[in-house]
Amino acid sequence: MRKVNKPWGYEEIWAETPDYVGKILHINKGHKLSLQYHEVKEETLRVLSGTLEVIYAKTVDNRTISVILQEGDVFHVKPYMVHRFCATQGTDVDVIEVSTNHLDDVVRIEDDYIR
């Protein structure tokens, strides 16, 4: 297992193979990941704790909408689906993510941390 510090919290990568990656995202209260999409990467998330706001659009050309997820809720991200994960509901958030192994496949649209 390895921990990767991020400006919004951290990732704990607990599984990594040529086919898939498993990680836990810890998003600090009041922080959010970049608004982004992936060209190849596909991921499924399950909220472990806290309240997660997901801002998403089905494609790059669609308008974004927001959904609130609670502990146990699941969300699936397909390639080219614009998305952003946010801990904006007053709590830290822990999310388990299982994805294809394309960790560098990130196209950022907006980023609070200027990356």
PDB file of N, CA and C in Angstrom:
ATOM      1  N   MET A   1       0.856  -1.176   0.000  1.00  0.00           N
ATOM      2  CA  MET A   1       0.000   0.000   0.000  1.00  0.00           C
ATOM      3  C   MET A   1       0.895   1.229   0.000  1.00  0.00           C
ATOM      4  N   ARG A   2       0.480   2.232  -0.780  1.00  0.00           N
ATOM      5  CA  ARG A   2       1.235   3.488  -0.767  1.00  0.00           C
ATOM      6  C   ARG A   2       0.282   4.663  -0.666  1.00  0.00           C
ATOM      7  N   LYS A   3       0.754   5.682   0.017  1.00  0.00           N
ATOM      8  CA  LYS A   3      -0.027   6.897   0.224  1.00  0.00           C
ATOM      9  C   LYS A   3       0.517   7.996  -0.678  1.00  0.00           C
ATOM     10  N   VAL A   4      -0.399   8.678  -1.372  1.00  0.00           N
ATOM     11  CA  VAL A   4      -0.034   9.771  -2.260  1.00  0.00           C
ATOM     12  C   VAL A   4      -0.741  11.021  -1.743  1.00  0.00           C
ATOM     13  N   ASN A   5       0.036  11.983  -1.238  1.00  0.00           N
ATOM     14  CA  ASN A   5      -0.554  13.218  -0.735  1.00  0.00           C
ATOM     15  C   ASN A   5      -1.030  14.082  -1.898  1.00  0.00           C
ATOM     16  N   LYS A   6      -2.185  14.691  -1.719  1.00  0.00           N
ATOM     17  CA  LYS A   6      -2.797  15.563  -2.715  1.00  0.00           C
ATOM     18  C   LYS A   6      -3.162  16.877  -2.030  1.00  0.00           C
ATOM     19  N   PRO A   7      -3.336  17.962  -2.791  1.00  0.00           N
ATOM     20  CA  PRO A   7      -3.711  19.233  -2.141  1.00  0.00           C
ATOM     21  C   PRO A   7      -5.091  19.182  -1.492  1.00  0.00           C
ATOM     22  N   TRP A   8      -5.933  18.266  -1.899  1.00  0.00           N
ATOM     23  CA  TRP A   8      -7.288  18.123  -1.353  1.00  0.00           C
ATOM     24  C   TRP A   8      -7.381  17.059  -0.270  1.00  0.00           C
ATOM     25  N   GLY A   9      -6.307  16.314  -0.022  1.00  0.00           N
ATOM     26  CA  GLY A   9      -6.308  15.223   0.958  1.00  0.00           C
ATOM     27  C   GLY A   9      -5.238  14.224   0.595  1.00  0.00           C
ATOM     28  N   TYR A  10      -5.635  12.961   0.350  1.00  0.00           N
ATOM     29  CA  TYR A  10      -4.669  11.944  -0.062  1.00  0.00           C
ATOM     30  C   TYR A  10      -5.372  10.743  -0.680  1.00  0.00           C
ATOM     31  N   GLU A  11      -4.573   9.920  -1.355  1.00  0.00           N
ATOM     32  CA  GLU A  11      -5.006   8.634  -1.887  1.00  0.00           C
ATOM     33  C   GLU A  11      -4.179   7.542  -1.224  1.00  0.00           C
ATOM     34  N   GLU A  12      -4.810   6.454  -0.875  1.00  0.00           N
ATOM     35  CA  GLU A  12      -4.114   5.245  -0.449  1.00  0.00           C
ATOM     36  C   GLU A  12      -4.354   4.191  -1.513  1.00  0.00           C
ATOM     37  N   ILE A  13      -3.311   3.867  -2.247  1.00  0.00           N
ATOM     38  CA  ILE A  13      -3.427   2.846  -3.283  1.00  0.00           C
ATOM     39  C   ILE A  13      -3.169   1.503  -2.620  1.00  0.00           C
ATOM     40  N   TRP A  14      -4.194   0.670  -2.566  1.00  0.00           N
ATOM     41  CA  TRP A  14      -4.094  -0.599  -1.853  1.00  0.00           C
ATOM     42  C   TRP A  14      -4.040  -1.804  -2.783  1.00  0.00           C
ATOM     43  N   ALA A  15      -4.281  -1.588  -4.076  1.00  0.00           N
ATOM     44  CA  ALA A  15      -4.147  -2.664  -5.068  1.00  0.00           C
ATOM     45  C   ALA A  15      -3.758  -2.037  -6.394  1.00  0.00           C
ATOM     46  N   GLU A  16      -2.792  -2.646  -7.087  1.00  0.00           N
ATOM     47  CA  GLU A  16      -2.393  -2.141  -8.396  1.00  0.00           C
ATOM     48  C   GLU A  16      -1.869  -3.298  -9.226  1.00  0.00           C
ATOM     49  N   THR A  17      -2.564  -3.564 -10.324  1.00  0.00           N
ATOM     50  CA  THR A  17      -2.170  -4.618 -11.257  1.00  0.00           C
ATOM     51  C   THR A  17      -2.160  -4.018 -12.659  1.00  0.00           C
ATOM     52  N   PRO A  18      -1.745  -4.765 -13.667  1.00  0.00           N
ATOM     53  CA  PRO A  18      -1.817  -4.243 -15.035  1.00  0.00           C
ATOM     54  C   PRO A  18      -3.255  -3.958 -15.497  1.00  0.00           C
ATOM     55  N   ASP A  19      -4.241  -4.548 -14.817  1.00  0.00           N
ATOM     56  CA  ASP A  19      -5.634  -4.408 -15.241  1.00  0.00           C
ATOM     57  C   ASP A  19      -6.483  -3.456 -14.398  1.00  0.00           C
ATOM     58  N   TYR A  20      -6.184  -3.320 -13.105  1.00  0.00           N
ATOM     59  CA  TYR A  20      -7.027  -2.495 -12.242  1.00  0.00           C
ATOM     60  C   TYR A  20      -6.232  -1.880 -11.102  1.00  0.00           C
ATOM     61  N   VAL A  21      -6.839  -0.859 -10.487  1.00  0.00           N
ATOM     62  CA  VAL A  21      -6.274  -0.187  -9.313  1.00  0.00           C
ATOM     63  C   VAL A  21      -7.385  -0.028  -8.288  1.00  0.00           C
ATOM     64  N   GLY A  22      -7.048  -0.266  -7.024  1.00  0.00           N
ATOM     65  CA  GLY A  22      -7.972  -0.005  -5.921  1.00  0.00           C
ATOM     66  C   GLY A  22      -7.354   1.037  -5.021  1.00  0.00           C
ATOM     67  N   LYS A  23      -8.136   2.050  -4.679  1.00  0.00           N
ATOM     68  CA  LYS A  23      -7.606   3.083  -3.783  1.00  0.00           C
ATOM     69  C   LYS A  23      -8.705   3.655  -2.916  1.00  0.00           C
ATOM     70  N   ILE A  24      -8.269   4.282  -1.846  1.00  0.00           N
ATOM     71  CA  ILE A  24      -9.168   5.051  -0.981  1.00  0.00           C
ATOM     72  C   ILE A  24      -8.797   6.508  -1.155  1.00  0.00           C
ATOM     73  N   LEU A  25      -9.793   7.324  -1.482  1.00  0.00           N
ATOM     74  CA  LEU A  25      -9.607   8.770  -1.567  1.00  0.00           C
ATOM     75  C   LEU A  25     -10.088   9.370  -0.260  1.00  0.00           C
ATOM     76  N   HIS A  26      -9.250  10.179   0.365  1.00  0.00           N
ATOM     77  CA  HIS A  26      -9.663  10.947   1.543  1.00  0.00           C
ATOM     78  C   HIS A  26      -9.682  12.411   1.116  1.00  0.00           C
ATOM     79  N   ILE A  27     -10.880  12.998   1.105  1.00  0.00           N
ATOM     80  CA  ILE A  27     -11.050  14.389   0.698  1.00  0.00           C
ATOM     81  C   ILE A  27     -11.333  15.207   1.952  1.00  0.00           C
ATOM     82  N   ASN A  28     -10.463  16.177   2.228  1.00  0.00           N
ATOM     83  CA  ASN A  28     -10.636  17.023   3.404  1.00  0.00           C
ATOM     84  C   ASN A  28     -11.865  17.920   3.254  1.00  0.00           C
ATOM     85  N   LYS A  29     -12.545  18.139   4.368  1.00  0.00           N
ATOM     86  CA  LYS A  29     -13.737  18.995   4.409  1.00  0.00           C
ATOM     87  C   LYS A  29     -13.457  20.328   3.727  1.00  0.00           C
ATOM     88  N   GLY A  30     -14.366  20.727   2.824  1.00  0.00           N
ATOM     89  CA  GLY A  30     -14.244  21.995   2.122  1.00  0.00           C
ATOM     90  C   GLY A  30     -13.416  21.926   0.850  1.00  0.00           C
ATOM     91  N   HIS A  31     -12.842  20.765   0.538  1.00  0.00           N
ATOM     92  CA  HIS A  31     -11.986  20.633  -0.640  1.00  0.00           C
ATOM     93  C   HIS A  31     -12.691  19.839  -1.739  1.00  0.00           C
ATOM     94  N   LYS A  32     -12.131  19.933  -2.956  1.00  0.00           N
ATOM     95  CA  LYS A  32     -12.672  19.197  -4.088  1.00  0.00           C
ATOM     96  C   LYS A  32     -11.563  18.879  -5.074  1.00  0.00           C
ATOM     97  N   LEU A  33     -11.760  17.789  -5.791  1.00  0.00           N
ATOM     98  CA  LEU A  33     -10.835  17.407  -6.848  1.00  0.00           C
ATOM     99  C   LEU A  33     -11.096  18.282  -8.064  1.00  0.00           C
ATOM    100  N   SER A  34     -10.230  18.199  -9.053  1.00  0.00           N
ATOM    101  CA  SER A  34     -10.423  18.990 -10.265  1.00  0.00           C
ATOM    102  C   SER A  34     -11.652  18.500 -11.038  1.00  0.00           C
ATOM    103  N   LEU A  35     -12.236  19.408 -11.797  1.00  0.00           N
ATOM    104  CA  LEU A  35     -13.261  19.035 -12.765  1.00  0.00           C
ATOM    105  C   LEU A  35     -12.490  18.422 -13.930  1.00  0.00           C
ATOM    106  N   GLN A  36     -12.785  17.156 -14.263  1.00  0.00           N
ATOM    107  CA  GLN A  36     -11.929  16.398 -15.165  1.00  0.00           C
ATOM    108  C   GLN A  36     -12.711  15.347 -15.922  1.00  0.00           C
ATOM    109  N   TYR A  37     -12.023  14.742 -16.866  1.00  0.00           N
ATOM    110  CA  TYR A  37     -12.531  13.537 -17.512  1.00  0.00           C
ATOM    111  C   TYR A  37     -11.340  12.665 -17.890  1.00  0.00           C
ATOM    112  N   HIS A  38     -11.639  11.428 -18.250  1.00  0.00           N
ATOM    113  CA  HIS A  38     -10.620  10.465 -18.671  1.00  0.00           C
ATOM    114  C   HIS A  38     -10.954   9.995 -20.077  1.00  0.00           C
ATOM    115  N   GLU A  39      -9.945   9.793 -20.878  1.00  0.00           N
ATOM    116  CA  GLU A  39     -10.158   9.290 -22.234  1.00  0.00           C
ATOM    117  C   GLU A  39     -10.328   7.777 -22.269  1.00  0.00           C
ATOM    118  N   VAL A  40      -9.680   7.066 -21.347  1.00  0.00           N
ATOM    119  CA  VAL A  40      -9.730   5.609 -21.314  1.00  0.00           C
ATOM    120  C   VAL A  40     -10.182   5.090 -19.947  1.00  0.00           C
ATOM    121  N   LYS A  41      -9.705   5.694 -18.891  1.00  0.00           N
ATOM    122  CA  LYS A  41      -9.945   5.210 -17.529  1.00  0.00           C
ATOM    123  C   LYS A  41     -11.436   5.153 -17.210  1.00  0.00           C
ATOM    124  N   GLU A  42     -11.822   4.071 -16.556  1.00  0.00           N
ATOM    125  CA  GLU A  42     -13.179   3.889 -16.056  1.00  0.00           C
ATOM    126  C   GLU A  42     -13.075   3.583 -14.574  1.00  0.00           C
ATOM    127  N   GLU A  43     -13.970   4.138 -13.766  1.00  0.00           N
ATOM    128  CA  GLU A  43     -13.875   3.960 -12.318  1.00  0.00           C
ATOM    129  C   GLU A  43     -15.259   3.836 -11.686  1.00  0.00           C
ATOM    130  N   THR A  44     -15.303   3.085 -10.583  1.00  0.00           N
ATOM    131  CA  THR A  44     -16.515   2.965  -9.789  1.00  0.00           C
ATOM    132  C   THR A  44     -16.148   3.303  -8.349  1.00  0.00           C
ATOM    133  N   LEU A  45     -17.003   4.119  -7.725  1.00  0.00           N
ATOM    134  CA  LEU A  45     -16.752   4.612  -6.373  1.00  0.00           C
ATOM    135  C   LEU A  45     -17.845   4.161  -5.422  1.00  0.00           C
ATOM    136  N   ARG A  46     -17.464   3.995  -4.169  1.00  0.00           N
ATOM    137  CA  ARG A  46     -18.445   3.756  -3.100  1.00  0.00           C
ATOM    138  C   ARG A  46     -18.043   4.635  -1.924  1.00  0.00           C
ATOM    139  N   VAL A  47     -18.993   5.397  -1.411  1.00  0.00           N
ATOM    140  CA  VAL A  47     -18.723   6.280  -0.281  1.00  0.00           C
ATOM    141  C   VAL A  47     -18.600   5.437   0.988  1.00  0.00           C
ATOM    142  N   LEU A  48     -17.454   5.545   1.645  1.00  0.00           N
ATOM    143  CA  LEU A  48     -17.222   4.822   2.897  1.00  0.00           C
ATOM    144  C   LEU A  48     -17.690   5.632   4.098  1.00  0.00           C
ATOM    145  N   SER A  49     -17.434   6.963   4.074  1.00  0.00           N
ATOM    146  CA  SER A  49     -17.869   7.829   5.175  1.00  0.00           C
ATOM    147  C   SER A  49     -17.977   9.258   4.680  1.00  0.00           C
ATOM    148  N   GLY A  50     -18.827  10.024   5.340  1.00  0.00           N
ATOM    149  CA  GLY A  50     -19.028  11.417   4.974  1.00  0.00           C
ATOM    150  C   GLY A  50     -20.093  11.567   3.900  1.00  0.00           C
ATOM    151  N   THR A  51     -20.234  12.781   3.425  1.00  0.00           N
ATOM    152  CA  THR A  51     -21.206  13.118   2.391  1.00  0.00           C
ATOM    153  C   THR A  51     -20.444  13.662   1.190  1.00  0.00           C
ATOM    154  N   LEU A  52     -20.567  12.987   0.066  1.00  0.00           N
ATOM    155  CA  LEU A  52     -19.836  13.340  -1.147  1.00  0.00           C
ATOM    156  C   LEU A  52     -20.768  14.030  -2.128  1.00  0.00           C
ATOM    157  N   GLU A  53     -20.344  15.201  -2.604  1.00  0.00           N
ATOM    158  CA  GLU A  53     -21.036  15.841  -3.709  1.00  0.00           C
ATOM    159  C   GLU A  53     -20.294  15.468  -4.989  1.00  0.00           C
ATOM    160  N   VAL A  54     -21.030  14.965  -5.969  1.00  0.00           N
ATOM    161  CA  VAL A  54     -20.456  14.641  -7.272  1.00  0.00           C
ATOM    162  C   VAL A  54     -21.071  15.591  -8.284  1.00  0.00           C
ATOM    163  N   ILE A  55     -20.210  16.336  -8.951  1.00  0.00           N
ATOM    164  CA  ILE A  55     -20.630  17.205 -10.046  1.00  0.00           C
ATOM    165  C   ILE A  55     -20.226  16.476 -11.319  1.00  0.00           C
ATOM    166  N   TYR A  56     -21.172  16.292 -12.245  1.00  0.00           N
ATOM    167  CA  TYR A  56     -20.843  15.507 -13.426  1.00  0.00           C
ATOM    168  C   TYR A  56     -21.696  15.889 -14.632  1.00  0.00           C
ATOM    169  N   ALA A  57     -21.206  15.494 -15.792  1.00  0.00           N
ATOM    170  CA  ALA A  57     -21.928  15.584 -17.053  1.00  0.00           C
ATOM    171  C   ALA A  57     -21.605  14.320 -17.832  1.00  0.00           C
ATOM    172  N   LYS A  58     -22.557  13.809 -18.568  1.00  0.00           N
ATOM    173  CA  LYS A  58     -22.349  12.536 -19.268  1.00  0.00           C
ATOM    174  C   LYS A  58     -21.284  12.618 -20.349  1.00  0.00           C
ATOM    175  N   THR A  59     -21.084  13.807 -20.940  1.00  0.00           N
ATOM    176  CA  THR A  59     -20.026  14.004 -21.926  1.00  0.00           C
ATOM    177  C   THR A  59     -19.426  15.389 -21.720  1.00  0.00           C
ATOM    178  N   VAL A  60     -18.360  15.656 -22.423  1.00  0.00           N
ATOM    179  CA  VAL A  60     -17.666  16.939 -22.307  1.00  0.00           C
ATOM    180  C   VAL A  60     -18.569  18.095 -22.736  1.00  0.00           C
ATOM    181  N   ASP A  61     -19.489  17.858 -23.651  1.00  0.00           N
ATOM    182  CA  ASP A  61     -20.344  18.916 -24.193  1.00  0.00           C
ATOM    183  C   ASP A  61     -21.623  19.168 -23.390  1.00  0.00           C
ATOM    184  N   ASN A  62     -21.929  18.348 -22.403  1.00  0.00           N
ATOM    185  CA  ASN A  62     -23.153  18.505 -21.624  1.00  0.00           C
ATOM    186  C   ASN A  62     -22.957  19.426 -20.430  1.00  0.00           C
ATOM    187  N   ARG A  63     -24.058  19.954 -19.913  1.00  0.00           N
ATOM    188  CA  ARG A  63     -24.026  20.753 -18.686  1.00  0.00           C
ATOM    189  C   ARG A  63     -23.815  19.844 -17.480  1.00  0.00           C
ATOM    190  N   THR A  64     -23.137  20.381 -16.463  1.00  0.00           N
ATOM    191  CA  THR A  64     -22.920  19.596 -15.247  1.00  0.00           C
ATOM    192  C   THR A  64     -24.145  19.671 -14.346  1.00  0.00           C
ATOM    193  N   ILE A  65     -24.350  18.602 -13.593  1.00  0.00           N
ATOM    194  CA  ILE A  65     -25.364  18.551 -12.557  1.00  0.00           C
ATOM    195  C   ILE A  65     -24.698  18.037 -11.289  1.00  0.00           C
ATOM    196  N   SER A  66     -25.387  18.158 -10.174  1.00  0.00           N
ATOM    197  CA  SER A  66     -24.827  17.765  -8.890  1.00  0.00           C
ATOM    198  C   SER A  66     -25.713  16.707  -8.242  1.00  0.00           C
ATOM    199  N   VAL A  67     -25.068  15.736  -7.614  1.00  0.00           N
ATOM    200  CA  VAL A  67     -25.778  14.716  -6.855  1.00  0.00           C
ATOM    201  C   VAL A  67     -25.045  14.547  -5.525  1.00  0.00           C
ATOM    202  N   ILE A  68     -25.803  14.314  -4.462  1.00  0.00           N
ATOM    203  CA  ILE A  68     -25.239  14.102  -3.128  1.00  0.00           C
ATOM    204  C   ILE A  68     -25.280  12.611  -2.818  1.00  0.00           C
ATOM    205  N   LEU A  69     -24.123  12.063  -2.443  1.00  0.00           N
ATOM    206  CA  LEU A  69     -24.024  10.648  -2.102  1.00  0.00           C
ATOM    207  C   LEU A  69     -23.692  10.490  -0.622  1.00  0.00           C
ATOM    208  N   GLN A  70     -24.307   9.509  -0.011  1.00  0.00           N
ATOM    209  CA  GLN A  70     -24.091   9.190   1.400  1.00  0.00           C
ATOM    210  C   GLN A  70     -23.336   7.865   1.523  1.00  0.00           C
ATOM    211  N   GLU A  71     -22.972   7.524   2.732  1.00  0.00           N
ATOM    212  CA  GLU A  71     -22.273   6.271   3.003  1.00  0.00           C
ATOM    213  C   GLU A  71     -23.003   5.095   2.351  1.00  0.00           C
ATOM    214  N   GLY A  72     -22.257   4.302   1.589  1.00  0.00           N
ATOM    215  CA  GLY A  72     -22.815   3.132   0.919  1.00  0.00           C
ATOM    216  C   GLY A  72     -23.260   3.388  -0.513  1.00  0.00           C
ATOM    217  N   ASP A  73     -23.434   4.646  -0.902  1.00  0.00           N
ATOM    218  CA  ASP A  73     -23.849   4.966  -2.267  1.00  0.00           C
ATOM    219  C   ASP A  73     -22.704   4.711  -3.244  1.00  0.00           C
ATOM    220  N   VAL A  74     -23.067   4.379  -4.482  1.00  0.00           N
ATOM    221  CA  VAL A  74     -22.114   4.012  -5.522  1.00  0.00           C
ATOM    222  C   VAL A  74     -22.294   4.945  -6.720  1.00  0.00           C
ATOM    223  N   PHE A  75     -21.176   5.258  -7.401  1.00  0.00           N
ATOM    224  CA  PHE A  75     -21.211   6.106  -8.585  1.00  0.00           C
ATOM    225  C   PHE A  75     -20.221   5.556  -9.601  1.00  0.00           C
ATOM    226  N   HIS A  76     -20.625   5.487 -10.865  1.00  0.00           N
ATOM    227  CA  HIS A  76     -19.794   4.920 -11.931  1.00  0.00           C
ATOM    228  C   HIS A  76     -19.386   6.015 -12.917  1.00  0.00           C
ATOM    229  N   VAL A  77     -18.100   6.095 -13.230  1.00  0.00           N
ATOM    230  CA  VAL A  77     -17.565   7.087 -14.157  1.00  0.00           C
ATOM    231  C   VAL A  77     -17.035   6.359 -15.396  1.00  0.00           C
ATOM    232  N   LYS A  78     -17.612   6.698 -16.556  1.00  0.00           N
ATOM    233  CA  LYS A  78     -17.180   6.128 -17.829  1.00  0.00           C
ATOM    234  C   LYS A  78     -16.229   7.100 -18.526  1.00  0.00           C
ATOM    235  N   PRO A  79     -15.457   6.624 -19.496  1.00  0.00           N
ATOM    236  CA  PRO A  79     -14.592   7.541 -20.244  1.00  0.00           C
ATOM    237  C   PRO A  79     -15.380   8.720 -20.829  1.00  0.00           C
ATOM    238  N   TYR A  80     -14.762   9.874 -20.826  1.00  0.00           N
ATOM    239  CA  TYR A  80     -15.290  11.155 -21.315  1.00  0.00           C
ATOM    240  C   TYR A  80     -16.419  11.731 -20.458  1.00  0.00           C
ATOM    241  N   MET A  81     -16.732  11.110 -19.343  1.00  0.00           N
ATOM    242  CA  MET A  81     -17.734  11.658 -18.429  1.00  0.00           C
ATOM    243  C   MET A  81     -17.032  12.704 -17.555  1.00  0.00           C
ATOM    244  N   VAL A  82     -17.447  13.933 -17.653  1.00  0.00           N
ATOM    245  CA  VAL A  82     -16.873  15.009 -16.847  1.00  0.00           C
ATOM    246  C   VAL A  82     -17.323  14.799 -15.403  1.00  0.00           C
ATOM    247  N   HIS A  83     -16.382  14.953 -14.443  1.00  0.00           N
ATOM    248  CA  HIS A  83     -16.748  14.726 -13.047  1.00  0.00           C
ATOM    249  C   HIS A  83     -15.824  15.477 -12.096  1.00  0.00           C
ATOM    250  N   ARG A  84     -16.352  15.697 -10.905  1.00  0.00           N
ATOM    251  CA  ARG A  84     -15.604  16.339  -9.813  1.00  0.00           C
ATOM    252  C   ARG A  84     -16.176  15.808  -8.506  1.00  0.00           C
ATOM    253  N   PHE A  85     -15.294  15.390  -7.599  1.00  0.00           N
ATOM    254  CA  PHE A  85     -15.699  14.889  -6.290  1.00  0.00           C
ATOM    255  C   PHE A  85     -15.415  15.955  -5.239  1.00  0.00           C
ATOM    256  N   CYS A  86     -16.394  16.236  -4.388  1.00  0.00           N
ATOM    257  CA  CYS A  86     -16.308  17.369  -3.469  1.00  0.00           C
ATOM    258  C   CYS A  86     -16.707  16.975  -2.047  1.00  0.00           C
ATOM    259  N   ALA A  87     -15.947  17.480  -1.081  1.00  0.00           N
ATOM    260  CA  ALA A  87     -16.309  17.346   0.335  1.00  0.00           C
ATOM    261  C   ALA A  87     -16.846  18.699   0.802  1.00  0.00           C
ATOM    262  N   THR A  88     -17.904  19.143   0.165  1.00  0.00           N
ATOM    263  CA  THR A  88     -18.448  20.481   0.410  1.00  0.00           C
ATOM    264  C   THR A  88     -19.691  20.466   1.293  1.00  0.00           C
ATOM    265  N   GLN A  89     -20.015  19.315   1.857  1.00  0.00           N
ATOM    266  CA  GLN A  89     -21.228  19.191   2.668  1.00  0.00           C
ATOM    267  C   GLN A  89     -20.931  19.165   4.176  1.00  0.00           C
ATOM    268  N   GLY A  90     -19.762  19.694   4.572  1.00  0.00           N
ATOM    269  CA  GLY A  90     -19.459  19.842   5.992  1.00  0.00           C
ATOM    270  C   GLY A  90     -18.725  18.697   6.646  1.00  0.00           C
ATOM    271  N   THR A  91     -18.259  17.708   5.865  1.00  0.00           N
ATOM    272  CA  THR A  91     -17.532  16.576   6.453  1.00  0.00           C
ATOM    273  C   THR A  91     -16.328  16.214   5.586  1.00  0.00           C
ATOM    274  N   ASP A  92     -15.327  15.582   6.205  1.00  0.00           N
ATOM    275  CA  ASP A  92     -14.319  14.871   5.423  1.00  0.00           C
ATOM    276  C   ASP A  92     -15.039  13.716   4.739  1.00  0.00           C
ATOM    277  N   VAL A  93     -14.499  13.245   3.633  1.00  0.00           N
ATOM    278  CA  VAL A  93     -15.118  12.144   2.891  1.00  0.00           C
ATOM    279  C   VAL A  93     -14.063  11.086   2.583  1.00  0.00           C
ATOM    280  N   ASP A  94     -14.422   9.831   2.799  1.00  0.00           N
ATOM    281  CA  ASP A  94     -13.600   8.699   2.385  1.00  0.00           C
ATOM    282  C   ASP A  94     -14.373   7.897   1.352  1.00  0.00           C
ATOM    283  N   VAL A  95     -13.725   7.631   0.226  1.00  0.00           N
ATOM    284  CA  VAL A  95     -14.342   6.948  -0.901  1.00  0.00           C
ATOM    285  C   VAL A  95     -13.416   5.829  -1.340  1.00  0.00           C
ATOM    286  N   ILE A  96     -13.966   4.661  -1.588  1.00  0.00           N
ATOM    287  CA  ILE A  96     -13.178   3.593  -2.186  1.00  0.00           C
ATOM    288  C   ILE A  96     -13.395   3.675  -3.695  1.00  0.00           C
ATOM    289  N   GLU A  97     -12.313   3.577  -4.443  1.00  0.00           N
ATOM    290  CA  GLU A  97     -12.377   3.648  -5.907  1.00  0.00           C
ATOM    291  C   GLU A  97     -11.695   2.430  -6.498  1.00  0.00           C
ATOM    292  N   VAL A  98     -12.363   1.786  -7.429  1.00  0.00           N
ATOM    293  CA  VAL A  98     -11.773   0.718  -8.221  1.00  0.00           C
ATOM    294  C   VAL A  98     -11.828   1.180  -9.661  1.00  0.00           C
ATOM    295  N   SER A  99     -10.686   1.117 -10.351  1.00  0.00           N
ATOM    296  CA  SER A  99     -10.632   1.654 -11.710  1.00  0.00           C
ATOM    297  C   SER A  99      -9.716   0.816 -12.583  1.00  0.00           C
ATOM    298  N   THR A 100      -9.785   1.103 -13.881  1.00  0.00           N
ATOM    299  CA  THR A 100      -8.793   0.560 -14.788  1.00  0.00           C
ATOM    300  C   THR A 100      -7.456   1.206 -14.449  1.00  0.00           C
ATOM    301  N   ASN A 101      -6.369   0.583 -14.868  1.00  0.00           N
ATOM    302  CA  ASN A 101      -5.042   1.056 -14.492  1.00  0.00           C
ATOM    303  C   ASN A 101      -4.515   2.081 -15.506  1.00  0.00           C
ATOM    304  N   HIS A 102      -5.147   3.251 -15.510  1.00  0.00           N
ATOM    305  CA  HIS A 102      -4.721   4.359 -16.364  1.00  0.00           C
ATOM    306  C   HIS A 102      -4.585   5.598 -15.481  1.00  0.00           C
ATOM    307  N   LEU A 103      -3.670   5.551 -14.536  1.00  0.00           N
ATOM    308  CA  LEU A 103      -3.580   6.582 -13.504  1.00  0.00           C
ATOM    309  C   LEU A 103      -3.222   7.962 -14.047  1.00  0.00           C
ATOM    310  N   ASP A 104      -2.546   8.030 -15.177  1.00  0.00           N
ATOM    311  CA  ASP A 104      -2.162   9.332 -15.736  1.00  0.00           C
ATOM    312  C   ASP A 104      -3.181   9.873 -16.734  1.00  0.00           C
ATOM    313  N   ASP A 105      -4.277   9.178 -16.925  1.00  0.00           N
ATOM    314  CA  ASP A 105      -5.310   9.582 -17.880  1.00  0.00           C
ATOM    315  C   ASP A 105      -6.262  10.578 -17.218  1.00  0.00           C
ATOM    316  N   VAL A 106      -5.805  11.831 -17.079  1.00  0.00           N
ATOM    317  CA  VAL A 106      -6.606  12.895 -16.470  1.00  0.00           C
ATOM    318  C   VAL A 106      -6.530  14.130 -17.356  1.00  0.00           C
ATOM    319  N   VAL A 107      -7.682  14.592 -17.814  1.00  0.00           N
ATOM    320  CA  VAL A 107      -7.765  15.848 -18.548  1.00  0.00           C
ATOM    321  C   VAL A 107      -8.504  16.820 -17.635  1.00  0.00           C
ATOM    322  N   ARG A 108      -7.758  17.796 -17.101  1.00  0.00           N
ATOM    323  CA  ARG A 108      -8.352  18.756 -16.162  1.00  0.00           C
ATOM    324  C   ARG A 108      -9.018  19.907 -16.917  1.00  0.00           C
ATOM    325  N   ILE A 109     -10.234  20.237 -16.513  1.00  0.00           N
ATOM    326  CA  ILE A 109     -10.984  21.352 -17.084  1.00  0.00           C
ATOM    327  C   ILE A 109     -10.878  22.559 -16.163  1.00  0.00           C
ATOM    328  N   GLU A 110     -11.052  22.322 -14.854  1.00  0.00           N
ATOM    329  CA  GLU A 110     -10.879  23.344 -13.810  1.00  0.00           C
ATOM    330  C   GLU A 110     -10.134  22.703 -12.655  1.00  0.00           C
ATOM    331  N   ASP A 111      -9.302  23.506 -11.973  1.00  0.00           N
ATOM    332  CA  ASP A 111      -8.573  22.966 -10.833  1.00  0.00           C
ATOM    333  C   ASP A 111      -8.283  24.086  -9.843  1.00  0.00           C
ATOM    334  N   ASP A 112      -8.760  23.928  -8.619  1.00  0.00           N
ATOM    335  CA  ASP A 112      -8.542  24.928  -7.571  1.00  0.00           C
ATOM    336  C   ASP A 112      -7.078  25.056  -7.178  1.00  0.00           C
ATOM    337  N   TYR A 113      -6.268  24.052  -7.507  1.00  0.00           N
ATOM    338  CA  TYR A 113      -4.879  24.000  -7.069  1.00  0.00           C
ATOM    339  C   TYR A 113      -3.890  24.281  -8.192  1.00  0.00           C
ATOM    340  N   ILE A 114      -4.391  24.727  -9.338  1.00  0.00           N
ATOM    341  CA  ILE A 114      -3.594  25.160 -10.492  1.00  0.00           C
ATOM    342  C   ILE A 114      -2.540  24.107 -10.874  1.00  0.00           C
ATOM    343  N   ARG A 115      -3.028  22.908 -11.136  1.00  0.00           N
ATOM    344  CA  ARG A 115      -2.120  21.836 -11.601  1.00  0.00           C
ATOM    345  C   ARG A 115      -2.260  21.671 -13.095  1.00  0.00           C
TER     346      ARG A 115
END
